Amino acid sequence: MTATFGTPVVAARGAALDDTSVPLVVLLHGRGSHEQEIVQLAAHLPVGPAYAAVRAPIAEGGGFAWFANRGIGRPVAESLAATTAWFRAWLEEVAPAGRPVVLVGFSGGAAFAGALALKTPDRFAGAAILYGTLPWDAGIPAEPRQLAGLPVVVAQGDQDHVIPAELMSRTWDYLTGDSGALTLARRDPGGHGLTVATVDALAGWLTEVARSA
């Protein structure tokens, strides 16, 4: 584990975390939140996988963050490199090569999930980018067809005033276009928060991803 941050705090639901015979779904909370909030999402997702809600490593306000920001939705490249290395070290312990891993990130957790998927797309069975942006201009490549064949969900609120609109548009266009991902794209009426319809769509998507993993 990267010494700077220590061992991750994890809230687990579903199958046993160390049961490598089932997929691992990693839930990544938003900025200023924590693992106990997002782990509640597991109750609305398919039975079968192991669910691990990981606490971000940087204390911020009353919660935690995945990276230092240079503006909302704009990670500091050096910070993001350090936290993704820390996360990957934990992941290699709980999910050895061959175990399907799906990332589900909300808001700041969506940017973190995007960084992981873009950097090592072959490591993951799928990624959900929920009400957030990919980590643009933060040292993470986003070339044409970089996510070719990877199942992805992108969900956005059409009245989301938290994430800058230009970052949301850039994320939407890339994931539904040049990325090459197999993308399920949703725009919901409303703001910066999960809707029942999106959770239902996410659950159905996870069922399909787990079946084919």
Protein backbone atom coordinates (compact mmCIF):
# COMPACT_ATOMS: atom_id res chain seq x y z
CA MET A 1 0.00 0.00 0.00
CA THR A 2 1.30 3.47 -0.81
CA ALA A 3 2.76 4.69 2.48
CA THR A 4 1.48 8.26 2.13
CA PHE A 5 -2.15 7.25 2.50
CA GLY A 6 -2.13 3.97 4.43
CA THR A 7 -4.57 1.10 4.20
CA PRO A 8 -7.97 1.94 2.64
CA VAL A 9 -11.10 1.95 4.76
CA VAL A 10 -13.68 -0.26 3.04
CA ALA A 11 -17.37 -0.93 3.65
CA ALA A 12 -18.41 -4.25 2.11
CA ARG A 13 -21.79 -5.66 1.10
CA GLY A 14 -22.98 -8.67 -0.85
CA ALA A 15 -20.68 -11.64 -1.40
CA ALA A 16 -17.50 -11.93 0.65
CA LEU A 17 -14.86 -9.45 -0.46
CA ASP A 18 -12.26 -12.21 -0.73
CA ASP A 19 -14.47 -14.51 -2.82
CA THR A 20 -12.56 -14.27 -6.08
CA SER A 21 -15.12 -16.47 -7.85
CA VAL A 22 -17.55 -13.55 -8.08
CA PRO A 23 -17.16 -10.09 -9.66
CA LEU A 24 -16.06 -7.20 -7.48
CA VAL A 25 -17.99 -3.94 -7.83
CA VAL A 26 -16.10 -0.98 -6.37
CA LEU A 27 -18.25 1.99 -5.29
CA LEU A 28 -16.48 5.36 -5.32
CA HIS A 29 -18.16 8.20 -3.43
CA GLY A 30 -18.26 11.88 -4.28
CA ARG A 31 -16.05 14.67 -2.97
CA GLY A 32 -16.65 15.43 0.69
CA SER A 33 -18.56 12.19 1.22
CA HIS A 34 -17.43 8.79 2.53
CA GLU A 35 -17.81 5.07 2.03
CA GLN A 36 -20.79 4.62 4.38
CA GLU A 37 -22.95 6.82 2.17
CA ILE A 38 -22.30 5.21 -1.18
CA VAL A 39 -22.31 1.64 0.16
CA GLN A 40 -26.08 2.06 0.60
CA LEU A 41 -26.34 1.92 -3.18
CA ALA A 42 -25.47 -1.79 -3.04
CA ALA A 43 -28.93 -2.57 -1.61
CA HIS A 44 -30.43 -1.52 -4.96
CA LEU A 45 -27.97 -3.45 -7.14
CA PRO A 46 -27.91 -7.12 -8.21
CA VAL A 47 -27.31 -9.95 -5.78
CA GLY A 48 -24.22 -11.97 -6.61
CA PRO A 49 -21.19 -9.64 -6.80
CA ALA A 50 -19.12 -8.45 -3.88
CA TYR A 51 -19.52 -4.71 -3.30
CA ALA A 52 -16.69 -2.64 -1.83
CA ALA A 53 -17.19 1.04 -1.02
CA VAL A 54 -13.74 2.55 -0.57
CA ARG A 55 -13.06 5.72 1.41
CA ALA A 56 -11.07 8.27 -0.57
CA PRO A 57 -7.63 8.94 0.93
CA ILE A 58 -7.65 12.74 1.29
CA ALA A 59 -9.56 14.29 4.19
CA GLU A 60 -11.68 17.25 3.10
CA GLY A 61 -14.28 19.06 5.17
CA GLY A 62 -16.44 16.48 6.89
CA GLY A 63 -15.56 13.80 4.34
CA PHE A 64 -12.92 12.71 1.89
CA ALA A 65 -11.68 13.39 -1.64
CA TRP A 66 -10.00 11.33 -4.35
CA PHE A 67 -7.59 14.05 -5.48
CA ALA A 68 -6.62 17.66 -4.99
CA ASN A 69 -8.53 20.00 -7.31
CA ARG A 70 -7.42 22.97 -9.41
CA GLY A 71 -11.11 23.77 -9.86
CA ILE A 72 -14.33 21.76 -9.71
CA GLY A 73 -13.91 18.61 -11.78
CA ARG A 74 -10.29 19.41 -12.60
CA PRO A 75 -7.83 17.14 -10.75
CA VAL A 76 -4.27 18.11 -10.00
CA ALA A 77 -2.28 15.64 -12.10
CA GLU A 78 0.31 14.78 -9.43
CA SER A 79 -2.38 14.19 -6.82
CA LEU A 80 -4.40 11.96 -9.13
CA ALA A 81 -1.31 9.93 -10.04
CA ALA A 82 -0.58 9.33 -6.36
CA THR A 83 -4.12 8.32 -5.38
CA THR A 84 -4.65 6.04 -8.38
CA ALA A 85 -1.36 4.25 -7.56
CA TRP A 86 -2.55 3.82 -3.95
CA PHE A 87 -5.90 2.44 -5.14
CA ARG A 88 -4.34 0.03 -7.62
CA ALA A 89 -2.11 -1.40 -4.89
CA TRP A 90 -5.21 -2.19 -2.81
CA LEU A 91 -7.05 -3.59 -5.81
CA GLU A 92 -4.26 -6.03 -6.64
CA GLU A 93 -4.61 -7.44 -3.13
CA VAL A 94 -8.38 -8.02 -3.23
CA ALA A 95 -8.82 -8.73 -6.94
CA PRO A 96 -5.94 -10.66 -8.47
CA ALA A 97 -5.66 -10.73 -12.24
CA GLY A 98 -8.59 -12.57 -13.77
CA ARG A 99 -11.23 -11.43 -11.28
CA PRO A 100 -13.75 -9.15 -12.99
CA VAL A 101 -13.79 -5.66 -11.46
CA VAL A 102 -16.44 -3.02 -12.20
CA LEU A 103 -16.03 0.60 -11.13
CA VAL A 104 -19.06 2.69 -10.13
CA GLY A 105 -18.17 6.30 -9.41
CA PHE A 106 -20.38 9.24 -8.45
CA SER A 107 -19.31 12.88 -8.96
CA GLY A 108 -15.66 13.09 -7.82
CA GLY A 109 -15.67 9.31 -7.70
CA ALA A 110 -16.72 9.32 -11.36
CA ALA A 111 -13.58 11.25 -12.30
CA PHE A 112 -11.51 8.80 -10.27
CA ALA A 113 -13.19 5.80 -11.91
CA GLY A 114 -12.58 7.42 -15.29
CA ALA A 115 -8.89 7.88 -14.52
CA LEU A 116 -8.52 4.22 -13.56
CA ALA A 117 -10.42 2.95 -16.61
CA LEU A 118 -8.60 5.21 -19.06
CA LYS A 119 -5.19 4.32 -17.71
CA THR A 120 -5.67 0.53 -17.64
CA PRO A 121 -8.90 -0.31 -19.54
CA ASP A 122 -8.00 -4.00 -19.83
CA ARG A 123 -8.04 -4.28 -16.02
CA PHE A 124 -11.76 -3.58 -15.72
CA ALA A 125 -14.96 -5.30 -16.80
CA GLY A 126 -16.91 -2.03 -16.83
CA ALA A 127 -17.10 1.51 -15.49
CA ALA A 128 -20.02 3.75 -14.52
CA ILE A 129 -19.40 7.50 -14.72
CA LEU A 130 -22.33 8.95 -12.78
CA TYR A 131 -22.98 12.71 -12.56
CA GLY A 132 -19.36 13.59 -13.07
CA THR A 133 -16.63 14.21 -15.59
CA LEU A 134 -13.65 12.34 -16.89
CA PRO A 135 -10.35 13.75 -15.56
CA TRP A 136 -9.46 15.98 -18.47
CA ASP A 137 -6.00 17.58 -18.71
CA ALA A 138 -4.74 15.70 -15.66
CA GLY A 139 -2.09 13.45 -17.16
CA ILE A 140 -4.52 10.67 -18.13
CA PRO A 141 -4.64 9.81 -21.85
CA ALA A 142 -8.03 9.82 -23.58
CA GLU A 143 -7.20 8.81 -27.12
CA PRO A 144 -9.61 7.58 -29.79
CA ARG A 145 -10.75 4.02 -29.07
CA GLN A 146 -8.89 3.97 -25.76
CA LEU A 147 -11.90 2.25 -24.14
CA ALA A 148 -12.74 0.09 -27.18
CA GLY A 149 -15.22 -2.61 -26.19
CA LEU A 150 -15.39 -1.63 -22.51
CA PRO A 151 -18.95 -1.50 -21.11
CA VAL A 152 -19.54 1.99 -19.74
CA VAL A 153 -22.46 3.89 -18.23
CA VAL A 154 -22.53 7.67 -18.39
CA ALA A 155 -25.40 9.38 -16.55
CA GLN A 156 -25.90 13.12 -16.24
CA GLY A 157 -28.55 15.46 -14.91
CA ASP A 158 -29.69 18.13 -17.34
CA GLN A 159 -29.88 20.66 -14.48
CA ASP A 160 -26.57 19.69 -12.85
CA HIS A 161 -24.94 22.96 -11.80
CA VAL A 162 -22.15 21.35 -9.74
CA ILE A 163 -19.95 19.93 -12.50
CA PRO A 164 -19.02 22.52 -15.16
CA ALA A 165 -21.18 22.10 -18.25
CA GLU A 166 -18.23 22.04 -20.66
CA LEU A 167 -16.64 19.12 -18.78
CA MET A 168 -19.91 17.19 -18.79
CA SER A 169 -20.36 17.78 -22.52
CA ARG A 170 -16.79 16.73 -23.27
CA THR A 171 -17.25 13.57 -21.21
CA TRP A 172 -20.57 12.71 -22.87
CA ASP A 173 -19.19 13.25 -26.38
CA TYR A 174 -16.08 11.16 -25.76
CA LEU A 175 -17.84 8.24 -24.08
CA THR A 176 -20.56 8.09 -26.73
CA GLY A 177 -18.12 8.66 -29.59
CA ASP A 178 -14.35 8.47 -29.94
CA SER A 179 -13.70 6.31 -26.85
CA GLY A 180 -14.97 3.16 -28.57
CA ALA A 181 -16.69 2.11 -25.34
CA LEU A 182 -19.94 0.15 -25.32
CA THR A 183 -21.78 3.03 -23.70
CA LEU A 184 -25.18 3.21 -22.06
CA ALA A 185 -25.87 6.95 -21.93
CA ARG A 186 -28.59 8.60 -19.81
CA ARG A 187 -29.62 12.20 -19.29
CA ASP A 188 -32.11 12.68 -16.50
CA PRO A 189 -34.27 15.66 -15.62
CA GLY A 190 -32.91 17.06 -12.40
CA GLY A 191 -29.62 18.04 -10.86
CA HIS A 192 -26.56 16.52 -9.25
CA GLY A 193 -27.98 13.33 -7.77
CA LEU A 194 -28.86 9.75 -8.58
CA THR A 195 -32.42 9.18 -9.77
CA VAL A 196 -34.45 6.01 -9.29
CA ALA A 197 -34.45 5.51 -13.06
CA THR A 198 -30.66 5.73 -13.25
CA VAL A 199 -30.20 3.31 -10.35
CA ASP A 200 -32.56 0.88 -12.08
CA ALA A 201 -30.63 1.23 -15.34
CA LEU A 202 -27.34 0.75 -13.48
CA ALA A 203 -28.66 -2.42 -11.85
CA GLY A 204 -29.71 -3.86 -15.20
CA TRP A 205 -26.36 -2.92 -16.74
CA LEU A 206 -24.45 -4.55 -13.87
CA THR A 207 -26.43 -7.75 -14.30
CA GLU A 208 -25.41 -7.91 -17.96
CA VAL A 209 -21.79 -7.03 -17.26
CA ALA A 210 -21.51 -9.66 -14.51
CA ARG A 211 -23.09 -12.26 -16.77
CA SER A 212 -20.60 -11.68 -19.56
CA ALA A 213 -17.52 -11.13 -17.39
